[in-house]
Amino acid sequence: MSVNQENTTVPTRPLGGRGPRIIISGGGTGGHIFPAVAIANALKKINPATEILFVGANGRMEMEKVPAAGYKIIGLDIQGIQRKAVWKNVMFPIKLITSISKAASIIKNFKPDAAVGVGGYASGPLLYAASLKGVPTLIQEQNSYAGITNKWLSKKARKICVAFDGMDQFFPVEKIIKTGNPVRRQSVDTAGKQQEALAAFKLSANKRTILVTGGSLGARTLNHSLLADLDKLIAADVQLIWQTGKVYYKGIIEKLGENYHPNICILEFLNRMDLAYAAADLIISRAGAGTIAELCIVGKPVILVPSPNVAEDHQTKNAMALVQTDAALFVADRDAEVKLIPQALQLLQDNARQQTLGKNISKLALPNADEVIAQHVLSLINGK
């Protein structure tokens, strides 16, 4: 039986049940799921009696990741609007109406005291149904540029938690609370770990180290940029922690071999992001909202190469929010294969510039976002 089928039964409120009941909806990517789970964990930490139900989209990664984190989840048969393959949108209106109806049923049975939307396909139907039922709602907008669904939902939401300044261009200013984005605490716990980290990656403490990460699936542009200029990194005697991602790892290893060079550590996935961050002098990354939240806490110089393949070009807007405060450098995806590694090597030779970037990005850190958001969720129940 699939995960989706196993999680179709809506838990109902037992007589005499204690503790607040919260629905958290959304998902689709790790950038939505990890913050959602972090908020759930914070709610349970504040009040262990809190009952939490997740609502996601069938076939999306939350249907596996959320149960793995120890929470119940129900799936809606909902999809996003396809901008490139318009013909795929034929069933969208039917799926939307069906999902709103199912969301209303979930709310009727679970009887939540509040509902939280973190973005992703399921957030729209669930929060809309919750607002119709009079359930107070909170939106957690992770990006610097709000999506269509959250702008629409904001009209009924009681509170909107954001991570960037200037969000009053999208939302009613009286509802906005700047909380930051929740992060995986263990991933940013880097204090005192540099020696352990270098040993784990078999790297030298006497050489500069670049960390390149494109997420769990990997980033084609980042990988191609490295392949194009590995000779420059080797000539400069710079070390590299290279997280290729699942999609690209096998091809890169077949091309280079497993032990290509002692300065180059090639990995499919980073199980210990804390050690990768601790070992790095410079970080090259995509610009997802969750990743940026981690980078602000880590506080090291960063070059961002936003993915151009996300809705409404969110990543570029996220990156520019940092660039405008001199907290990161920016390389466009289309320019990366030519410009990325030369710019990285130039930055490694400029200690003053590195210190400025590290200092400025640290100023943007909001490390307790999960707990702050959880408190605002609970305050909805008390009508505050």
Protein backbone atom coordinates (compact mmCIF):
# COMPACT_ATOMS: atom_id res chain seq x y z
CA MET A 1 0.00 0.00 0.00
CA SER A 2 1.35 3.44 -0.89
CA VAL A 3 2.06 6.20 1.61
CA ASN A 4 -0.83 8.20 0.18
CA GLN A 5 -3.31 5.39 0.77
CA GLU A 6 -2.11 4.77 4.30
CA ASN A 7 -2.75 8.36 5.32
CA THR A 8 -6.29 8.93 4.07
CA THR A 9 -8.05 8.51 7.41
CA VAL A 10 -8.65 11.82 9.16
CA PRO A 11 -8.03 11.59 12.90
CA THR A 12 -10.97 12.95 14.89
CA ARG A 13 -10.88 14.87 18.16
CA PRO A 14 -11.28 12.48 21.10
CA LEU A 15 -13.67 13.42 23.90
CA GLY A 16 -11.80 15.28 26.59
CA GLY A 17 -8.84 15.85 24.28
CA ARG A 18 -6.28 18.36 25.51
CA GLY A 19 -3.87 20.63 23.77
CA PRO A 20 -4.27 22.83 20.71
CA ARG A 21 -4.91 21.26 17.33
CA ILE A 22 -2.94 22.64 14.40
CA ILE A 23 -3.04 21.82 10.69
CA ILE A 24 0.10 22.59 8.68
CA SER A 25 -0.30 22.52 4.92
CA GLY A 26 2.07 22.69 1.98
CA GLY A 27 5.19 21.07 0.63
CA GLY A 28 6.42 20.05 -2.79
CA THR A 29 10.08 20.76 -2.12
CA GLY A 30 12.47 20.45 0.79
CA GLY A 31 12.40 24.24 0.99
CA HIS A 32 8.77 24.03 2.10
CA ILE A 33 8.86 20.75 4.03
CA PHE A 34 11.84 21.40 6.32
CA PRO A 35 10.39 24.70 7.65
CA ALA A 36 6.99 23.05 8.11
CA VAL A 37 8.48 20.24 10.19
CA ALA A 38 10.58 22.74 12.14
CA ILE A 39 7.45 24.71 13.04
CA ALA A 40 5.71 21.48 14.09
CA ASN A 41 8.66 20.52 16.28
CA ALA A 42 8.67 23.96 17.89
CA LEU A 43 4.94 23.72 18.61
CA LYS A 44 5.46 20.36 20.29
CA LYS A 45 8.40 21.75 22.26
CA ILE A 46 6.30 24.63 23.58
CA ASN A 47 3.35 22.36 24.41
CA PRO A 48 3.89 18.59 24.09
CA ALA A 49 0.10 18.10 24.13
CA THR A 50 -0.25 19.90 20.79
CA GLU A 51 -1.86 17.72 18.12
CA ILE A 52 -0.57 18.31 14.60
CA LEU A 53 -1.88 17.13 11.25
CA PHE A 54 -0.14 17.83 7.95
CA VAL A 55 -1.94 18.20 4.64
CA GLY A 56 0.11 17.79 1.47
CA ALA A 57 -0.23 16.99 -2.20
CA ASN A 58 -0.44 13.38 -3.36
CA GLY A 59 2.67 12.25 -5.18
CA ARG A 60 4.89 14.98 -3.73
CA MET A 61 7.83 14.45 -1.41
CA GLU A 62 6.00 15.60 1.74
CA MET A 63 4.00 12.36 1.62
CA GLU A 64 7.21 10.53 2.55
CA LYS A 65 9.23 13.15 4.44
CA VAL A 66 6.54 14.17 6.91
CA PRO A 67 5.75 10.62 8.17
CA ALA A 68 9.52 10.06 8.41
CA ALA A 69 9.60 13.05 10.78
CA GLY A 70 6.92 11.42 12.93
CA TYR A 71 3.77 13.28 11.86
CA LYS A 72 0.50 12.24 10.23
CA ILE A 73 -0.25 13.58 6.77
CA ILE A 74 -3.22 13.48 4.42
CA GLY A 75 -2.82 14.07 0.69
CA LEU A 76 -4.94 16.21 -1.61
CA ASP A 77 -5.13 15.43 -5.30
CA ILE A 78 -3.90 18.88 -6.32
CA GLN A 79 -1.33 20.16 -8.80
CA GLY A 80 0.21 23.48 -9.70
CA ILE A 81 -0.59 25.49 -12.80
CA GLN A 82 1.68 24.42 -15.65
CA ARG A 83 3.08 27.51 -17.37
CA LYS A 84 4.99 25.70 -20.13
CA ALA A 85 2.65 22.79 -20.94
CA VAL A 86 -0.66 24.63 -20.83
CA TRP A 87 -2.64 21.57 -21.96
CA LYS A 88 -1.81 19.90 -18.64
CA ASN A 89 -4.04 22.44 -16.89
CA VAL A 90 -7.26 20.92 -18.27
CA MET A 91 -7.93 19.02 -15.03
CA PHE A 92 -6.78 21.80 -12.71
CA PRO A 93 -10.23 23.35 -11.99
CA ILE A 94 -11.70 19.95 -11.15
CA LYS A 95 -8.76 19.03 -8.92
CA LEU A 96 -8.96 22.40 -7.17
CA ILE A 97 -12.67 22.06 -6.39
CA THR A 98 -12.21 18.46 -5.25
CA SER A 99 -9.27 19.45 -3.04
CA ILE A 100 -11.19 22.30 -1.40
CA SER A 101 -14.04 19.89 -0.68
CA LYS A 102 -11.67 17.33 0.84
CA ALA A 103 -9.90 20.04 2.84
CA ALA A 104 -13.26 21.13 4.25
CA SER A 105 -13.93 17.54 5.27
CA ILE A 106 -10.53 17.29 6.96
CA ILE A 107 -11.23 20.47 8.91
CA LYS A 108 -14.68 19.26 9.93
CA ASN A 109 -13.26 16.02 11.33
CA PHE A 110 -10.01 17.25 12.84
CA LYS A 111 -11.48 20.49 14.25
CA PRO A 112 -8.24 22.52 14.20
CA ASP A 113 -7.77 25.58 16.36
CA ALA A 114 -5.49 27.15 13.73
CA ALA A 115 -4.11 26.40 10.26
CA VAL A 116 -0.68 27.20 8.86
CA GLY A 117 0.30 27.41 5.20
CA VAL A 118 3.97 27.12 4.26
CA GLY A 119 3.61 27.22 0.47
CA GLY A 120 3.19 24.45 -2.06
CA TYR A 121 0.20 23.04 -3.87
CA ALA A 122 -1.83 21.98 -0.83
CA SER A 123 -1.66 25.32 0.98
CA GLY A 124 -4.22 27.02 -1.25
CA PRO A 125 -7.17 24.61 -0.86
CA LEU A 126 -6.51 23.97 2.83
CA LEU A 127 -6.18 27.58 3.95
CA TYR A 128 -9.11 28.65 1.79
CA ALA A 129 -11.31 25.95 3.32
CA ALA A 130 -10.09 26.87 6.80
CA SER A 131 -10.99 30.52 6.29
CA LEU A 132 -14.50 29.52 5.14
CA LYS A 133 -14.89 27.48 8.34
CA GLY A 134 -13.73 30.38 10.53
CA VAL A 135 -10.43 28.74 11.49
CA PRO A 136 -7.72 31.40 12.03
CA THR A 137 -4.89 31.06 9.52
CA LEU A 138 -1.22 32.02 9.34
CA ILE A 139 0.92 32.16 6.20
CA GLN A 140 4.65 31.52 6.29
CA GLU A 141 6.07 33.19 3.16
CA GLN A 142 9.66 32.06 2.67
CA ASN A 143 10.68 34.04 -0.40
CA SER A 144 11.36 37.73 -1.01
CA TYR A 145 8.76 37.71 -3.77
CA ALA A 146 5.34 36.38 -2.82
CA GLY A 147 3.62 33.85 -5.05
CA ILE A 148 0.11 34.21 -6.45
CA THR A 149 -1.44 31.75 -3.98
CA ASN A 150 -0.10 33.46 -0.87
CA LYS A 151 -1.10 36.90 -2.14
CA TRP A 152 -4.62 35.56 -2.62
CA LEU A 153 -4.70 33.80 0.76
CA SER A 154 -3.33 36.86 2.59
CA LYS A 155 -6.72 38.58 2.35
CA LYS A 156 -8.17 36.13 4.89
CA ALA A 157 -5.02 35.28 6.89
CA ARG A 158 -4.67 36.71 10.39
CA LYS A 159 -0.86 36.80 10.33
CA ILE A 160 1.83 36.57 7.67
CA CYS A 161 5.34 35.57 8.75
CA VAL A 162 8.06 36.69 6.34
CA ALA A 163 11.83 36.45 6.03
CA PHE A 164 12.66 39.54 3.98
CA ASP A 165 12.05 43.26 4.22
CA GLY A 166 9.76 45.05 1.79
CA MET A 167 6.98 42.45 1.85
CA ASP A 168 4.34 45.15 2.29
CA GLN A 169 4.32 45.38 -1.51
CA PHE A 170 2.50 42.02 -1.47
CA PHE A 171 0.67 41.84 1.86
CA PRO A 172 -1.29 44.13 4.21
CA VAL A 173 1.38 45.75 6.37
CA GLU A 174 -0.60 45.29 9.59
CA LYS A 175 -0.48 41.49 9.18
CA ILE A 176 3.25 41.17 8.47
CA ILE A 177 5.68 39.82 11.05
CA LYS A 178 9.35 39.42 10.16
CA THR A 179 10.37 36.10 11.70
CA GLY A 180 12.86 34.65 9.22
CA ASN A 181 12.73 31.14 7.82
CA PRO A 182 13.05 28.08 10.07
CA VAL A 183 16.22 26.06 9.51
CA ARG A 184 17.45 22.61 10.44
CA ARG A 185 19.29 23.46 13.65
CA GLN A 186 21.79 20.64 13.34
CA SER A 187 22.84 21.85 9.88
CA VAL A 188 24.03 25.25 11.11
CA ASP A 189 25.65 24.12 14.36
CA THR A 190 29.22 24.75 13.17
CA ALA A 191 30.91 26.19 16.26
CA GLY A 192 34.23 24.53 17.07
CA LYS A 193 33.91 21.93 14.31
CA GLN A 194 36.47 23.09 11.73
CA GLN A 195 39.14 20.52 12.57
CA GLU A 196 36.59 17.70 12.75
CA ALA A 197 35.16 18.87 9.43
CA LEU A 198 38.46 19.01 7.58
CA ALA A 199 39.34 15.55 8.88
CA ALA A 200 35.96 14.19 7.76
CA PHE A 201 36.55 15.41 4.19
CA LYS A 202 40.28 14.53 4.30
CA LEU A 203 41.30 18.12 3.63
CA SER A 204 44.18 20.27 4.84
CA ALA A 205 43.91 23.09 7.37
CA ASN A 206 46.60 24.98 5.44
CA LYS A 207 44.59 25.45 2.25
CA ARG A 208 41.48 27.46 1.42
CA THR A 209 38.29 25.47 0.89
CA ILE A 210 35.25 26.12 -1.32
CA LEU A 211 31.94 24.37 -0.69
CA VAL A 212 29.67 24.01 -3.73
CA THR A 213 26.17 22.71 -3.12
CA GLY A 214 23.23 22.49 -5.49
CA GLY A 215 20.76 20.70 -3.24
CA SER A 216 19.86 17.03 -2.96
CA LEU A 217 19.16 16.62 -6.68
CA GLY A 218 22.07 18.81 -7.72
CA ALA A 219 22.40 21.79 -10.02
CA ARG A 220 23.47 21.26 -13.61
CA THR A 221 24.99 24.73 -13.99
CA LEU A 222 27.11 24.47 -10.85
CA ASN A 223 28.40 21.05 -11.86
CA HIS A 224 29.24 22.17 -15.40
CA SER A 225 30.97 25.29 -14.06
CA LEU A 226 33.23 23.15 -11.90
CA LEU A 227 33.97 20.68 -14.69
CA ALA A 228 34.98 23.59 -16.93
CA ASP A 229 37.45 25.06 -14.43
CA LEU A 230 38.77 22.26 -12.22
CA ASP A 231 42.23 22.94 -13.63
CA LYS A 232 42.08 26.52 -12.30
CA LEU A 233 41.13 25.32 -8.81
CA ILE A 234 43.94 22.78 -8.81
CA ALA A 235 46.46 25.33 -10.09
CA ALA A 236 45.47 27.69 -7.28
CA ASP A 237 45.85 24.84 -4.73
CA VAL A 238 42.30 25.43 -3.53
CA GLN A 239 40.31 22.61 -1.93
CA LEU A 240 36.79 21.76 -3.01
CA ILE A 241 33.86 20.06 -1.30
CA TRP A 242 31.65 19.32 -4.27
CA GLN A 243 28.12 18.09 -3.65
CA THR A 244 26.97 16.99 -7.09
CA GLY A 245 23.44 15.86 -6.27
CA LYS A 246 21.84 12.51 -6.98
CA VAL A 247 21.10 13.22 -10.65
CA TYR A 248 24.68 14.04 -11.63
CA TYR A 249 26.95 12.06 -9.31
CA LYS A 250 27.35 8.88 -11.36
CA GLY A 251 28.19 10.73 -14.57
CA ILE A 252 30.77 12.94 -12.86
CA ILE A 253 32.46 10.01 -11.16
CA GLU A 254 32.56 8.09 -14.45
CA LYS A 255 34.20 11.10 -16.08
CA LEU A 256 36.69 11.97 -13.33
CA GLY A 257 37.09 8.84 -11.24
CA GLU A 258 36.51 8.53 -7.49
CA ASN A 259 39.94 9.81 -6.50
CA TYR A 260 40.38 12.55 -9.06
CA HIS A 261 42.64 14.81 -6.95
CA PRO A 262 43.47 15.04 -3.22
CA ASN A 263 42.14 18.61 -3.12
CA ILE A 264 38.77 17.61 -4.59
CA CYS A 265 36.15 15.85 -2.45
CA ILE A 266 33.22 14.74 -4.65
CA LEU A 267 30.02 13.67 -2.88
CA GLU A 268 26.52 12.80 -4.05
CA PHE A 269 24.89 14.11 -0.88
CA LEU A 270 26.04 15.88 2.28
CA ASN A 271 24.73 14.03 5.31
CA ARG A 272 26.48 16.48 7.62
CA MET A 273 25.87 20.00 6.37
CA ASP A 274 27.26 21.33 9.64
CA LEU A 275 30.68 19.85 8.82
CA ALA A 276 30.54 21.08 5.22
CA TYR A 277 29.75 24.61 6.38
CA ALA A 278 32.41 24.43 9.09
CA ALA A 279 35.12 23.36 6.63
CA ALA A 280 34.34 26.05 4.06
CA ASP A 281 36.02 29.42 3.64
CA LEU A 282 33.67 30.27 0.76
CA ILE A 283 30.27 28.84 -0.16
CA ILE A 284 28.75 28.66 -3.65
CA SER A 285 25.07 27.83 -3.69
CA ARG A 286 21.67 28.17 -5.28
CA ALA A 287 19.38 30.75 -3.65
CA GLY A 288 16.40 28.91 -2.23
CA ALA A 289 14.87 30.67 0.77
CA GLY A 290 15.74 27.88 3.21
CA THR A 291 19.32 27.73 2.02
CA ILE A 292 19.71 31.48 2.39
CA ALA A 293 18.36 31.29 5.94
CA GLU A 294 21.07 28.73 6.77
CA LEU A 295 23.80 30.77 5.08
CA CYS A 296 22.90 33.85 7.11
CA ILE A 297 23.36 31.90 10.34
CA VAL A 298 26.62 30.28 9.16
CA GLY A 299 27.97 33.76 8.37
CA LYS A 300 30.57 32.99 5.73
CA PRO A 301 31.17 34.68 2.34
CA VAL A 302 28.76 33.41 -0.28
CA ILE A 303 28.36 33.47 -4.05
CA LEU A 304 24.77 32.83 -5.09
CA VAL A 305 23.85 31.36 -8.48
CA PRO A 306 20.04 31.38 -8.51
CA SER A 307 18.15 28.71 -10.39
CA PRO A 308 16.21 30.22 -13.29
CA ASN A 309 13.79 27.27 -13.26
CA VAL A 310 11.55 28.25 -10.35
CA ALA A 311 8.15 29.94 -10.31
CA GLU A 312 8.28 33.72 -10.72
CA ASP A 313 12.09 33.64 -10.58
CA HIS A 314 11.99 33.53 -6.76
CA GLN A 315 15.63 32.60 -6.35
CA THR A 316 16.98 35.59 -8.24
CA LYS A 317 14.82 37.90 -6.12
CA ASN A 318 16.02 36.14 -2.94
CA ALA A 319 19.64 36.55 -4.01
CA MET A 320 19.26 40.22 -4.91
CA ALA A 321 17.82 40.94 -1.46
CA LEU A 322 21.23 39.93 -0.08
CA VAL A 323 23.28 41.55 -2.83
CA GLN A 324 21.60 44.90 -2.20
CA THR A 325 22.89 44.88 1.39
CA ASP A 326 26.39 43.72 0.33
CA ALA A 327 25.76 40.38 2.05
CA ALA A 328 26.48 38.10 -0.94
CA LEU A 329 27.85 38.07 -4.46
CA PHE A 330 25.72 37.14 -7.46
CA VAL A 331 26.50 35.24 -10.66
CA ALA A 332 23.70 34.70 -13.17
CA ASP A 333 23.05 31.11 -14.15
CA ARG A 334 23.69 31.90 -17.83
CA ASP A 335 27.15 33.34 -17.00
CA ALA A 336 28.29 30.80 -14.43
CA GLU A 337 30.34 28.46 -16.63
CA VAL A 338 32.56 31.38 -17.62
CA LYS A 339 32.51 33.65 -14.56
CA LEU A 340 31.83 31.59 -11.43
CA ILE A 341 35.18 29.96 -10.60
CA PRO A 342 37.31 32.98 -11.65
CA GLN A 343 35.18 35.16 -9.36
CA ALA A 344 35.47 32.63 -6.52
CA LEU A 345 39.25 32.50 -6.82
CA GLN A 346 39.44 36.29 -6.91
CA LEU A 347 37.34 36.52 -3.74
CA LEU A 348 39.57 34.01 -1.92
CA GLN A 349 42.48 36.38 -2.51
CA ASP A 350 40.65 39.33 -0.95
CA ASN A 351 40.45 38.80 2.82
CA ALA A 352 38.88 42.19 3.49
CA ARG A 353 36.05 41.50 1.03
CA GLN A 354 35.45 38.09 2.59
CA GLN A 355 35.19 39.63 6.05
CA THR A 356 32.73 42.28 4.84
CA LEU A 357 30.48 39.71 3.16
CA GLY A 358 30.58 37.41 6.18
CA LYS A 359 29.79 40.25 8.58
CA ASN A 360 26.90 41.58 6.50
CA ILE A 361 25.23 38.22 5.88
CA SER A 362 25.46 37.44 9.62
CA LYS A 363 23.44 40.61 10.35
CA LEU A 364 20.51 39.05 8.48
CA ALA A 365 20.41 35.87 10.58
CA LEU A 366 17.19 35.04 12.45
CA PRO A 367 18.10 31.73 14.10
CA ASN A 368 14.98 31.22 16.23
CA ALA A 369 12.40 31.58 13.46
CA ASP A 370 10.74 28.22 14.19
CA GLU A 371 10.01 29.11 17.82
CA VAL A 372 8.87 32.65 16.98
CA ILE A 373 6.46 31.39 14.31
CA ALA A 374 5.15 28.69 16.65
CA GLN A 375 4.37 31.30 19.28
CA HIS A 376 2.46 33.36 16.72
CA VAL A 377 0.49 30.27 15.68
CA LEU A 378 -0.51 29.62 19.27
CA SER A 379 -1.41 33.27 19.76
CA LEU A 380 -4.02 32.92 17.00
CA ILE A 381 -5.91 30.52 19.22
CA ASN A 382 -6.05 33.11 21.99
CA GLY A 383 -7.28 35.74 19.54
CA LYS A 384 -4.13 37.88 19.76
